[in-house]
C-alpha atoms as a PDB file:
ATOM      1  CA  MET A   1     123.900  38.081 -85.836  1.00  0.00           C
ATOM      2  CA  ARG A   2     126.569  36.109 -83.975  1.00  0.00           C
ATOM      3  CA  LEU A   3     127.116  35.567 -80.272  1.00  0.00           C
ATOM      4  CA  GLU A   4     130.540  37.237 -80.244  1.00  0.00           C
ATOM      5  CA  GLN A   5     128.982  40.325 -81.838  1.00  0.00           C
ATOM      6  CA  LEU A   6     126.443  40.565 -79.027  1.00  0.00           C
ATOM      7  CA  GLN A   7     129.191  39.994 -76.464  1.00  0.00           C
ATOM      8  CA  ALA A   8     131.255  42.831 -77.992  1.00  0.00           C
ATOM      9  CA  PHE A   9     128.186  45.079 -78.020  1.00  0.00           C
ATOM     10  CA  LEU A  10     127.521  44.348 -74.340  1.00  0.00           C
ATOM     11  CA  ALA A  11     131.138  45.009 -73.387  1.00  0.00           C
ATOM     12  CA  VAL A  12     131.113  48.412 -75.109  1.00  0.00           C
ATOM     13  CA  ALA A  13     127.696  49.309 -73.679  1.00  0.00           C
ATOM     14  CA  GLU A  14     128.732  48.412 -70.122  1.00  0.00           C
ATOM     15  CA  THR A  15     132.206  50.018 -70.193  1.00  0.00           C
ATOM     16  CA  GLY A  16     131.402  52.982 -72.448  1.00  0.00           C
ATOM     17  CA  SER A  17     134.660  52.419 -74.293  1.00  0.00           C
ATOM     18  CA  PHE A  18     135.798  50.283 -77.219  1.00  0.00           C
ATOM     19  CA  GLN A  19     139.263  50.098 -75.669  1.00  0.00           C
ATOM     20  CA  GLN A  20     138.012  48.867 -72.297  1.00  0.00           C
ATOM     21  CA  ALA A  21     135.635  46.460 -74.047  1.00  0.00           C
ATOM     22  CA  ALA A  22     138.611  44.988 -75.914  1.00  0.00           C
ATOM     23  CA  ARG A  23     140.442  44.405 -72.624  1.00  0.00           C
ATOM     24  CA  ARG A  24     137.362  42.749 -71.109  1.00  0.00           C
ATOM     25  CA  CYS A  25     136.904  40.469 -74.134  1.00  0.00           C
ATOM     26  CA  GLN A  26     140.686  39.846 -74.356  1.00  0.00           C
ATOM     27  CA  VAL A  27     140.835  40.789 -78.023  1.00  0.00           C
ATOM     28  CA  THR A  28     142.130  43.805 -79.945  1.00  0.00           C
ATOM     29  CA  GLN A  29     140.188  47.049 -80.130  1.00  0.00           C
ATOM     30  CA  SER A  30     139.894  46.669 -83.898  1.00  0.00           C
ATOM     31  CA  THR A  31     138.268  43.243 -83.405  1.00  0.00           C
ATOM     32  CA  VAL A  32     135.638  44.743 -81.092  1.00  0.00           C
ATOM     33  CA  SER A  33     135.013  47.548 -83.588  1.00  0.00           C
ATOM     34  CA  ARG A  34     134.562  45.065 -86.456  1.00  0.00           C
ATOM     35  CA  GLN A  35     132.141  42.930 -84.435  1.00  0.00           C
ATOM     36  CA  VAL A  36     130.008  45.926 -83.427  1.00  0.00           C
ATOM     37  CA  GLN A  37     130.051  47.293 -86.992  1.00  0.00           C
ATOM     38  CA  ALA A  38     128.991  43.907 -88.364  1.00  0.00           C
ATOM     39  CA  LEU A  39     126.100  43.823 -85.852  1.00  0.00           C
ATOM     40  CA  GLU A  40     125.033  47.327 -86.860  1.00  0.00           C
ATOM     41  CA  THR A  41     125.229  46.382 -90.540  1.00  0.00           C
ATOM     42  CA  GLY A  42     123.100  43.308 -89.946  1.00  0.00           C
ATOM     43  CA  LEU A  43     120.479  45.328 -88.039  1.00  0.00           C
ATOM     44  CA  GLY A  44     120.672  48.246 -90.453  1.00  0.00           C
ATOM     45  CA  ILE A  45     120.970  50.922 -87.739  1.00  0.00           C
ATOM     46  CA  PRO A  46     123.723  52.434 -85.518  1.00  0.00           C
ATOM     47  CA  LEU A  47     123.879  51.189 -81.935  1.00  0.00           C
ATOM     48  CA  PHE A  48     126.356  53.730 -80.480  1.00  0.00           C
ATOM     49  CA  HIS A  49     127.066  57.415 -80.605  1.00  0.00           C
ATOM     50  CA  ARG A  50     130.831  57.435 -81.160  1.00  0.00           C
ATOM     51  CA  SER A  51     132.460  60.395 -79.429  1.00  0.00           C
ATOM     52  CA  THR A  52     134.823  60.621 -76.459  1.00  0.00           C
ATOM     53  CA  GLN A  53     132.623  57.963 -74.887  1.00  0.00           C
ATOM     54  CA  ALA A  54     130.507  55.330 -76.628  1.00  0.00           C
ATOM     55  CA  THR A  55     126.884  55.904 -75.656  1.00  0.00           C
ATOM     56  CA  LEU A  56     123.857  53.939 -76.781  1.00  0.00           C
ATOM     57  CA  THR A  57     121.525  55.138 -79.489  1.00  0.00           C
ATOM     58  CA  VAL A  58     117.791  54.536 -79.169  1.00  0.00           C
ATOM     59  CA  ALA A  59     118.255  51.253 -81.074  1.00  0.00           C
ATOM     60  CA  GLY A  60     121.188  50.285 -78.847  1.00  0.00           C
ATOM     61  CA  ASP A  61     119.122  50.979 -75.761  1.00  0.00           C
ATOM     62  CA  ARG A  62     116.360  48.695 -77.074  1.00  0.00           C
ATOM     63  CA  LEU A  63     118.838  45.949 -77.896  1.00  0.00           C
ATOM     64  CA  LEU A  64     120.682  46.031 -74.549  1.00  0.00           C
ATOM     65  CA  PRO A  65     118.261  43.999 -72.350  1.00  0.00           C
ATOM     66  CA  ARG A  66     117.689  41.492 -75.165  1.00  0.00           C
ATOM     67  CA  ALA A  67     121.420  41.050 -75.700  1.00  0.00           C
ATOM     68  CA  ARG A  68     121.957  40.514 -71.972  1.00  0.00           C
ATOM     69  CA  LYS A  69     119.228  37.879 -71.901  1.00  0.00           C
ATOM     70  CA  ILE A  70     120.601  36.058 -74.971  1.00  0.00           C
ATOM     71  CA  CYS A  71     124.142  36.015 -73.609  1.00  0.00           C
ATOM     72  CA  GLN A  72     122.945  34.873 -70.185  1.00  0.00           C
ATOM     73  CA  GLU A  73     120.920  32.060 -71.742  1.00  0.00           C
ATOM     74  CA  TRP A  74     123.966  30.981 -73.736  1.00  0.00           C
ATOM     75  CA  HIS A  75     126.127  31.032 -70.608  1.00  0.00           C
ATOM     76  CA  THR A  76     123.534  28.927 -68.776  1.00  0.00           C
ATOM     77  CA  ALA A  77     123.415  26.448 -71.662  1.00  0.00           C
ATOM     78  CA  GLU A  78     127.208  26.199 -71.734  1.00  0.00           C
ATOM     79  CA  THR A  79     127.285  25.551 -67.987  1.00  0.00           C
ATOM     80  CA  GLU A  80     124.593  22.871 -68.156  1.00  0.00           C
ATOM     81  CA  ILE A  81     126.282  21.073 -71.062  1.00  0.00           C
ATOM     82  CA  SER A  82     129.642  21.252 -69.291  1.00  0.00           C
ATOM     83  CA  ASP A  83     128.084  19.845 -66.111  1.00  0.00           C
ATOM     84  CA  LEU A  84     126.452  17.061 -68.124  1.00  0.00           C
ATOM     85  CA  ARG A  85     129.762  16.176 -69.758  1.00  0.00           C
ATOM     86  CA  MET A  86     131.441  16.078 -66.338  1.00  0.00           C
ATOM     87  CA  GLY A  87     128.742  13.863 -64.835  1.00  0.00           C
ATOM     88  CA  LYS A  88     126.897  16.585 -62.901  1.00  0.00           C
ATOM     89  CA  GLN A  89     123.244  15.801 -63.559  1.00  0.00           C
ATOM     90  CA  PRO A  90     120.280  16.025 -61.185  1.00  0.00           C
ATOM     91  CA  GLU A  91     118.859  12.544 -61.815  1.00  0.00           C
ATOM     92  CA  LEU A  92     119.182   9.267 -63.684  1.00  0.00           C
ATOM     93  CA  CYS A  93     115.975   7.495 -64.698  1.00  0.00           C
ATOM     94  CA  VAL A  94     115.750   3.746 -65.311  1.00  0.00           C
ATOM     95  CA  ALA A  95     112.812   1.626 -66.467  1.00  0.00           C
ATOM     96  CA  ALA A  96     113.022  -2.131 -65.927  1.00  0.00           C
ATOM     97  CA  ILE A  97     110.826  -5.206 -65.918  1.00  0.00           C
ATOM     98  CA  HIS A  98     109.575  -6.324 -62.508  1.00  0.00           C
ATOM     99  CA  SER A  99     111.923  -9.291 -62.151  1.00  0.00           C
ATOM    100  CA  ILE A 100     114.976  -7.088 -62.694  1.00  0.00           C
ATOM    101  CA  CYS A 101     113.743  -4.611 -60.073  1.00  0.00           C
ATOM    102  CA  ALA A 102     113.048  -7.386 -57.553  1.00  0.00           C
ATOM    103  CA  TYR A 103     116.086  -9.625 -57.949  1.00  0.00           C
ATOM    104  CA  HIS A 104     119.013  -7.919 -59.655  1.00  0.00           C
ATOM    105  CA  LEU A 105     118.928  -4.144 -59.203  1.00  0.00           C
ATOM    106  CA  PRO A 106     119.337  -3.646 -55.414  1.00  0.00           C
ATOM    107  CA  PRO A 107     123.148  -4.192 -55.274  1.00  0.00           C
ATOM    108  CA  VAL A 108     123.599  -2.134 -58.427  1.00  0.00           C
ATOM    109  CA  LEU A 109     121.571   0.732 -56.976  1.00  0.00           C
ATOM    110  CA  HIS A 110     123.624   0.652 -53.781  1.00  0.00           C
ATOM    111  CA  GLN A 111     126.936   0.873 -55.629  1.00  0.00           C
ATOM    112  CA  PHE A 112     125.708   3.582 -57.974  1.00  0.00           C
ATOM    113  CA  CYS A 113     124.477   5.762 -55.093  1.00  0.00           C
ATOM    114  CA  GLN A 114     127.872   5.439 -53.440  1.00  0.00           C
ATOM    115  CA  ALA A 115     129.638   6.519 -56.629  1.00  0.00           C
ATOM    116  CA  TYR A 116     127.212   9.353 -57.452  1.00  0.00           C
ATOM    117  CA  PRO A 117     125.581  10.504 -54.193  1.00  0.00           C
ATOM    118  CA  ASP A 118     124.393  13.778 -55.775  1.00  0.00           C
ATOM    119  CA  VAL A 119     122.485  12.072 -58.607  1.00  0.00           C
ATOM    120  CA  GLN A 120     118.862  11.233 -57.783  1.00  0.00           C
ATOM    121  CA  LEU A 121     118.259   7.691 -59.043  1.00  0.00           C
ATOM    122  CA  ARG A 122     114.691   6.968 -60.175  1.00  0.00           C
ATOM    123  CA  VAL A 123     113.655   3.402 -61.002  1.00  0.00           C
ATOM    124  CA  THR A 124     110.268   2.482 -62.442  1.00  0.00           C
ATOM    125  CA  ALA A 125     109.020  -1.088 -62.947  1.00  0.00           C
ATOM    126  CA  LEU A 126     107.247  -1.354 -66.313  1.00  0.00           C
ATOM    127  CA  GLY A 127     106.375  -3.889 -68.957  1.00  0.00           C
ATOM    128  CA  SER A 128     108.984  -4.215 -71.707  1.00  0.00           C
ATOM    129  CA  ASP A 129     107.086  -2.456 -74.478  1.00  0.00           C
ATOM    130  CA  ARG A 130     106.104   0.434 -72.228  1.00  0.00           C
ATOM    131  CA  ALA A 131     109.690   0.761 -70.914  1.00  0.00           C
ATOM    132  CA  LEU A 132     111.051   0.987 -74.466  1.00  0.00           C
ATOM    133  CA  LYS A 133     108.411   3.564 -75.349  1.00  0.00           C
ATOM    134  CA  VAL A 134     109.374   5.896 -72.481  1.00  0.00           C
ATOM    135  CA  LEU A 135     113.053   5.433 -73.403  1.00  0.00           C
ATOM    136  CA  LYS A 136     112.344   6.485 -77.001  1.00  0.00           C
ATOM    137  CA  ASP A 137     110.330   9.446 -75.691  1.00  0.00           C
ATOM    138  CA  GLY A 138     113.317  10.581 -73.606  1.00  0.00           C
ATOM    139  CA  LEU A 139     111.575  10.068 -70.261  1.00  0.00           C
ATOM    140  CA  VAL A 140     114.183   7.566 -69.009  1.00  0.00           C
ATOM    141  CA  ASP A 141     117.890   7.135 -69.687  1.00  0.00           C
ATOM    142  CA  LEU A 142     118.093   3.363 -69.774  1.00  0.00           C
ATOM    143  CA  ALA A 143     115.740   0.374 -69.989  1.00  0.00           C
ATOM    144  CA  ILE A 144     116.242  -3.267 -68.970  1.00  0.00           C
ATOM    145  CA  VAL A 145     113.617  -5.277 -70.773  1.00  0.00           C
ATOM    146  CA  MET A 146     112.682  -8.339 -72.762  1.00  0.00           C
ATOM    147  CA  HIS A 147     114.115  -7.903 -76.240  1.00  0.00           C
ATOM    148  CA  ASN A 148     111.748  -6.550 -78.874  1.00  0.00           C
ATOM    149  CA  ARG A 149     113.558  -6.259 -82.183  1.00  0.00           C
ATOM    150  CA  PHE A 150     110.724  -4.201 -83.655  1.00  0.00           C
ATOM    151  CA  MET A 151     111.129  -1.381 -81.121  1.00  0.00           C
ATOM    152  CA  VAL A 152     114.924  -0.949 -81.160  1.00  0.00           C
ATOM    153  CA  THR A 153     115.592  -0.458 -84.874  1.00  0.00           C
ATOM    154  CA  SER A 154     116.764   3.190 -84.652  1.00  0.00           C
ATOM    155  CA  PRO A 155     120.512   3.547 -85.349  1.00  0.00           C
ATOM    156  CA  GLU A 156     121.118   5.499 -82.128  1.00  0.00           C
ATOM    157  CA  MET A 157     119.785   2.643 -79.971  1.00  0.00           C
ATOM    158  CA  VAL A 158     122.390   0.524 -78.152  1.00  0.00           C
ATOM    159  CA  VAL A 159     121.101  -2.966 -77.297  1.00  0.00           C
ATOM    160  CA  GLU A 160     123.191  -5.100 -74.927  1.00  0.00           C
ATOM    161  CA  PRO A 161     122.059  -8.739 -74.423  1.00  0.00           C
ATOM    162  CA  LEU A 162     122.222  -9.750 -70.754  1.00  0.00           C
ATOM    163  CA  TYR A 163     120.883 -13.295 -70.491  1.00  0.00           C
ATOM    164  CA  ASP A 164     118.404 -15.810 -71.868  1.00  0.00           C
ATOM    165  CA  GLU A 165     115.786 -17.065 -69.432  1.00  0.00           C
ATOM    166  CA  PRO A 166     113.737 -20.257 -69.807  1.00  0.00           C
ATOM    167  CA  ILE A 167     109.938 -20.054 -69.817  1.00  0.00           C
ATOM    168  CA  GLN A 168     108.013 -22.779 -67.979  1.00  0.00           C
ATOM    169  CA  VAL A 169     104.447 -23.704 -67.116  1.00  0.00           C
ATOM    170  CA  LEU A 170     102.920 -22.713 -63.769  1.00  0.00           C
ATOM    171  CA  MET A 171      99.916 -24.669 -62.524  1.00  0.00           C
ATOM    172  CA  ALA A 172      98.192 -25.829 -59.347  1.00  0.00           C
ATOM    173  CA  ALA A 173      99.816 -28.829 -57.680  1.00  0.00           C
ATOM    174  CA  THR A 174      96.513 -30.683 -58.148  1.00  0.00           C
ATOM    175  CA  HIS A 175      96.253 -29.849 -61.858  1.00  0.00           C
ATOM    176  CA  PRO A 176      95.767 -32.843 -64.193  1.00  0.00           C
ATOM    177  CA  LEU A 177      98.992 -31.937 -66.031  1.00  0.00           C
ATOM    178  CA  ALA A 178     101.079 -31.882 -62.846  1.00  0.00           C
ATOM    179  CA  SER A 179     101.723 -35.617 -63.271  1.00  0.00           C
ATOM    180  CA  HIS A 180     103.801 -34.875 -66.401  1.00  0.00           C
ATOM    181  CA  ALA A 181     107.544 -34.374 -66.081  1.00  0.00           C
ATOM    182  CA  ALA A 182     107.287 -31.990 -69.058  1.00  0.00           C
ATOM    183  CA  ILE A 183     104.105 -30.642 -70.658  1.00  0.00           C
ATOM    184  CA  PRO A 184     103.453 -31.483 -74.334  1.00  0.00           C
ATOM    185  CA  TRP A 185     102.237 -28.447 -76.227  1.00  0.00           C
ATOM    186  CA  ASP A 186      99.022 -30.087 -77.397  1.00  0.00           C
ATOM    187  CA  GLU A 187      98.143 -30.852 -73.760  1.00  0.00           C
ATOM    188  CA  LEU A 188      99.026 -27.342 -72.612  1.00  0.00           C
ATOM    189  CA  ALA A 189      96.805 -25.827 -75.307  1.00  0.00           C
ATOM    190  CA  ARG A 190      93.737 -27.684 -74.001  1.00  0.00           C
ATOM    191  CA  TYR A 191      93.552 -25.455 -70.906  1.00  0.00           C
ATOM    192  CA  PRO A 192      92.773 -21.728 -70.502  1.00  0.00           C
ATOM    193  CA  GLN A 193      95.776 -19.452 -70.027  1.00  0.00           C
ATOM    194  CA  VAL A 194      96.566 -16.590 -67.701  1.00  0.00           C
ATOM    195  CA  VAL A 195      98.666 -14.058 -69.631  1.00  0.00           C
ATOM    196  CA  PHE A 196     100.411 -10.762 -68.994  1.00  0.00           C
ATOM    197  CA  LYS A 197      98.603  -7.571 -69.902  1.00  0.00           C
ATOM    198  CA  ASP A 198      99.133  -5.684 -73.146  1.00  0.00           C
ATOM    199  CA  GLY A 199     102.467  -3.849 -73.148  1.00  0.00           C
ATOM    200  CA  TYR A 200     104.334  -6.764 -71.570  1.00  0.00           C
ATOM    201  CA  GLY A 201     106.708  -8.712 -73.786  1.00  0.00           C
ATOM    202  CA  MET A 202     105.605 -12.010 -72.277  1.00  0.00           C
ATOM    203  CA  GLN A 203     102.114 -11.566 -73.708  1.00  0.00           C
ATOM    204  CA  ARG A 204     103.634 -11.225 -77.173  1.00  0.00           C
ATOM    205  CA  ILE A 205     105.765 -14.352 -76.735  1.00  0.00           C
ATOM    206  CA  VAL A 206     102.795 -16.460 -75.644  1.00  0.00           C
ATOM    207  CA  GLN A 207     100.648 -15.188 -78.512  1.00  0.00           C
ATOM    208  CA  GLU A 208     103.424 -15.868 -81.033  1.00  0.00           C
ATOM    209  CA  GLN A 209     103.984 -19.402 -79.745  1.00  0.00           C
ATOM    210  CA  PHE A 210     100.319 -20.318 -80.042  1.00  0.00           C
ATOM    211  CA  ALA A 211     100.064 -18.669 -83.475  1.00  0.00           C
ATOM    212  CA  ARG A 212     103.089 -20.422 -84.961  1.00  0.00           C
ATOM    213  CA  ARG A 213     101.660 -23.784 -83.940  1.00  0.00           C
ATOM    214  CA  GLY A 214      98.232 -22.930 -85.332  1.00  0.00           C
ATOM    215  CA  THR A 215      96.718 -23.465 -81.888  1.00  0.00           C
ATOM    216  CA  PRO A 216      94.014 -21.145 -80.567  1.00  0.00           C
ATOM    217  CA  LEU A 217      94.975 -19.271 -77.406  1.00  0.00           C
ATOM    218  CA  THR A 218      92.278 -19.194 -74.745  1.00  0.00           C
ATOM    219  CA  ALA A 219      93.400 -16.177 -72.709  1.00  0.00           C
ATOM    220  CA  ALA A 220      91.028 -16.352 -69.764  1.00  0.00           C
ATOM    221  CA  LEU A 221      92.643 -13.595 -67.713  1.00  0.00           C
ATOM    222  CA  GLU A 222      95.237 -10.814 -68.025  1.00  0.00           C
ATOM    223  CA  LEU A 223      97.448  -9.907 -65.051  1.00  0.00           C
ATOM    224  CA  ASN A 224     100.722  -8.100 -64.457  1.00  0.00           C
ATOM    225  CA  THR A 225     102.296  -9.380 -61.213  1.00  0.00           C
ATOM    226  CA  PRO A 226     103.694 -12.805 -60.241  1.00  0.00           C
ATOM    227  CA  ASP A 227     101.657 -12.714 -57.004  1.00  0.00           C
ATOM    228  CA  ALA A 228      98.435 -12.431 -58.986  1.00  0.00           C
ATOM    229  CA  PHE A 229      99.453 -15.278 -61.308  1.00  0.00           C
ATOM    230  CA  ARG A 230     100.149 -17.567 -58.355  1.00  0.00           C
ATOM    231  CA  GLY A 231      96.864 -16.743 -56.663  1.00  0.00           C
ATOM    232  CA  VAL A 232      94.752 -17.390 -59.759  1.00  0.00           C
ATOM    233  CA  VAL A 233      96.512 -20.555 -60.867  1.00  0.00           C
ATOM    234  CA  ARG A 234      96.479 -22.044 -57.367  1.00  0.00           C
ATOM    235  CA  HIS A 235      92.673 -22.198 -57.333  1.00  0.00           C
ATOM    236  CA  SER A 236      91.860 -23.135 -60.934  1.00  0.00           C
ATOM    237  CA  GLU A 237      92.804 -25.282 -63.918  1.00  0.00           C
ATOM    238  CA  MET A 238      94.265 -22.269 -65.689  1.00  0.00           C
ATOM    239  CA  LEU A 239      97.920 -22.365 -66.752  1.00  0.00           C
ATOM    240  CA  ALA A 240     100.516 -19.633 -67.083  1.00  0.00           C
ATOM    241  CA  LEU A 241     103.653 -19.512 -69.199  1.00  0.00           C
ATOM    242  CA  LEU A 242     106.161 -17.551 -67.130  1.00  0.00           C
ATOM    243  CA  PRO A 243     109.922 -16.883 -67.118  1.00  0.00           C
ATOM    244  CA  ASN A 244     112.039 -18.376 -64.341  1.00  0.00           C
ATOM    245  CA  SER A 245     112.393 -15.087 -62.499  1.00  0.00           C
ATOM    246  CA  SER A 246     108.606 -14.943 -62.075  1.00  0.00           C
ATOM    247  CA  LEU A 247     108.563 -18.469 -60.623  1.00  0.00           C
ATOM    248  CA  ILE A 248     110.950 -18.115 -57.689  1.00  0.00           C
ATOM    249  CA  GLU A 249     108.319 -17.973 -54.942  1.00  0.00           C
ATOM    250  CA  ALA A 250     106.216 -20.587 -56.742  1.00  0.00           C
ATOM    251  CA  ALA A 251     109.143 -23.017 -56.643  1.00  0.00           C
ATOM    252  CA  HIS A 252     108.853 -23.078 -52.832  1.00  0.00           C
ATOM    253  CA  ASP A 253     105.045 -23.250 -52.702  1.00  0.00           C
ATOM    254  CA  PRO A 254     103.679 -26.814 -52.226  1.00  0.00           C
ATOM    255  CA  THR A 255     100.313 -25.778 -53.657  1.00  0.00           C
ATOM    256  CA  LEU A 256     101.893 -24.972 -57.019  1.00  0.00           C
ATOM    257  CA  ALA A 257     103.774 -26.958 -59.658  1.00  0.00           C
ATOM    258  CA  ILE A 258     106.261 -25.841 -62.300  1.00  0.00           C
ATOM    259  CA  ARG A 259     106.946 -27.910 -65.405  1.00  0.00           C
ATOM    260  CA  PRO A 260     109.023 -27.342 -68.536  1.00  0.00           C
ATOM    261  CA  ILE A 261     107.444 -27.523 -71.966  1.00  0.00           C
ATOM    262  CA  ALA A 262     108.214 -30.808 -73.695  1.00  0.00           C
ATOM    263  CA  THR A 263     110.233 -30.689 -76.912  1.00  0.00           C
ATOM    264  CA  SER A 264     110.123 -33.769 -79.093  1.00  0.00           C
ATOM    265  CA  ALA A 265     113.328 -35.074 -80.640  1.00  0.00           C
ATOM    266  CA  THR A 266     111.946 -34.528 -84.126  1.00  0.00           C
ATOM    267  CA  GLN A 267     111.314 -30.862 -83.372  1.00  0.00           C
ATOM    268  CA  ALA A 268     114.534 -30.129 -81.479  1.00  0.00           C
ATOM    269  CA  VAL A 269     116.080 -28.029 -84.245  1.00  0.00           C
ATOM    270  CA  ALA A 270     112.971 -26.204 -85.469  1.00  0.00           C
ATOM    271  CA  ASP A 271     111.379 -25.832 -82.035  1.00  0.00           C
ATOM    272  CA  PRO A 272     114.042 -25.049 -79.375  1.00  0.00           C
ATOM    273  CA  PRO A 273     113.202 -24.713 -75.665  1.00  0.00           C
ATOM    274  CA  LEU A 274     111.031 -21.677 -75.049  1.00  0.00           C
ATOM    275  CA  SER A 275     112.895 -18.724 -73.517  1.00  0.00           C
ATOM    276  CA  ARG A 276     113.054 -14.957 -73.478  1.00  0.00           C
ATOM    277  CA  GLN A 277     116.077 -12.703 -73.910  1.00  0.00           C
ATOM    278  CA  VAL A 278     116.637  -9.888 -71.429  1.00  0.00           C
ATOM    279  CA  VAL A 279     118.539  -6.889 -72.790  1.00  0.00           C
ATOM    280  CA  MET A 280     119.696  -3.452 -71.682  1.00  0.00           C
ATOM    281  CA  VAL A 281     118.823  -0.587 -74.014  1.00  0.00           C
ATOM    282  CA  THR A 282     119.960   3.024 -74.117  1.00  0.00           C
ATOM    283  CA  THR A 283     121.171   5.466 -76.750  1.00  0.00           C
ATOM    284  CA  SER A 284     124.717   6.111 -77.923  1.00  0.00           C
ATOM    285  CA  ASP A 285     124.674   9.754 -76.826  1.00  0.00           C
ATOM    286  CA  ARG A 286     123.592   8.836 -73.292  1.00  0.00           C
ATOM    287  CA  LEU A 287     126.554   6.476 -72.936  1.00  0.00           C
ATOM    288  CA  GLN A 288     128.841   9.517 -73.208  1.00  0.00           C
ATOM    289  CA  ILE A 289     127.415  10.872 -69.935  1.00  0.00           C
ATOM    290  CA  PRO A 290     129.501   9.519 -66.999  1.00  0.00           C
ATOM    291  CA  PRO A 291     126.703   8.559 -64.532  1.00  0.00           C
ATOM    292  CA  ILE A 292     124.732   6.725 -67.218  1.00  0.00           C
ATOM    293  CA  ARG A 293     127.859   4.965 -68.455  1.00  0.00           C
ATOM    294  CA  HIS A 294     128.719   3.953 -64.884  1.00  0.00           C
ATOM    295  CA  PHE A 295     125.246   2.521 -64.279  1.00  0.00           C
ATOM    296  CA  TYR A 296     125.452   0.684 -67.619  1.00  0.00           C
ATOM    297  CA  ASP A 297     128.804  -0.866 -66.654  1.00  0.00           C
ATOM    298  CA  LEU A 298     127.494  -1.860 -63.209  1.00  0.00           C
ATOM    299  CA  ILE A 299     124.615  -3.736 -64.841  1.00  0.00           C
ATOM    300  CA  LEU A 300     127.038  -5.583 -67.129  1.00  0.00           C
ATOM    301  CA  ALA A 301     129.167  -6.536 -64.137  1.00  0.00           C
ATOM    302  CA  HIS A 302     126.342  -7.661 -61.826  1.00  0.00           C
ATOM    303  CA  LEU A 303     123.533  -9.174 -63.854  1.00  0.00           C
ATOM    304  CA  PRO A 304     123.706 -12.888 -64.631  1.00  0.00           C
ATOM    305  CA  HIS A 305     124.512 -13.970 -68.155  1.00  0.00           C
ATOM    306  CA  CYS A 306     122.223 -16.964 -67.939  1.00  0.00           C
ATOM    307  CA  GLY A 307     118.823 -17.535 -66.327  1.00  0.00           C
ATOM    308  CA  ASP A 308     118.690 -21.309 -66.237  1.00  0.00           C
ATOM    309  CA  ASP A 309     118.400 -22.156 -62.551  1.00  0.00           C
ATOM    310  CA  ILE A 310     115.619 -20.641 -60.437  1.00  0.00           C
ATOM    311  CA  SER A 311     117.468 -21.504 -57.238  1.00  0.00           C
ATOM    312  CA  GLN A 312     120.433 -19.311 -58.241  1.00  0.00           C
ATOM    313  CA  LEU A 313     118.383 -16.129 -58.311  1.00  0.00           C
ATOM    314  CA  PRO A 314     118.625 -13.924 -55.206  1.00  0.00           C
ATOM    315  CA  THR A 315     115.811 -13.339 -52.731  1.00  0.00           C
ATOM    316  CA  PRO A 316     113.409 -10.608 -53.810  1.00  0.00           C
ATOM    317  CA  SER A 317     114.023  -7.155 -52.394  1.00  0.00           C
ATOM    318  CA  SER A 318     111.383  -4.680 -51.389  1.00  0.00           C
ATOM    319  CA  SER A 319     113.859  -1.793 -51.676  1.00  0.00           C
ATOM    320  CA  VAL A 320     112.836  -0.986 -55.251  1.00  0.00           C
ATOM    321  CA  ALA A 321     109.340   0.434 -55.588  1.00  0.00           C
ATOM    322  CA  SER A 322     107.359  -0.136 -58.759  1.00  0.00           C
ATOM    323  CA  SER A 323     105.777   3.143 -59.686  1.00  0.00           C
END
């Protein structure tokens, strides 16, 4: 059974004539006759009484509402796919790490909404691993996250590096290590750590760094917001390894101190400065959809390609809700 056979059947059933059906379908009468005959052969039963007027048999009468429904569903599918190809989609969903939502997305969101006012833009702040999971599940169209090479191995995934961001040590201004210009790793490891919760790429980085040095990690507390990190560290001897974008407010807080991790000259090649890579991830098929492609290009145009200087990052915006 083929769609054009059902369409020919419907045209004959609704006009009562093979000739009029041919005009409606813009084909020859013999083509309509062949399509209906092929449908009847496939079903093994006549669908029309052929006399001066084509009238439905009992089988044709049973098929009619089903054929209408199938053809309508196909028309709806064609319309939706055509709209998608032309950029007419109801919403665009983005998952991003908190720092991207707070510091880099607001101007991008403004420009996108101007370009596509009829597309509902939905932004959710998530940890990197969770954001990649919802992207793979098809719940979002694009993710801006910390790179995780283990979660983007599928051939359809498109991974675009955006910038590398240094990771530094956050502590109370009165902490014993605050007197250091840079914190040696063996000193850092002597104190309990505040780490991100499971599902955040930063937790994985911290765990890997301790493991590769053979140093036990004393994870005293798990949190998921920069505010919480600042509050806990301010009143304790706990330390936190955080990326620059999570340290912006802390840089202006006299009760807190930020220090880089020391790298000895003998380890400079094997042990480079600690950093994380922020990437944008989507799938190749999504990039063929105009609104998604436009958002993707806006991100490439607006996001920084380096994350070295905390002072260069913009002021946080409350216009993006984390949900």
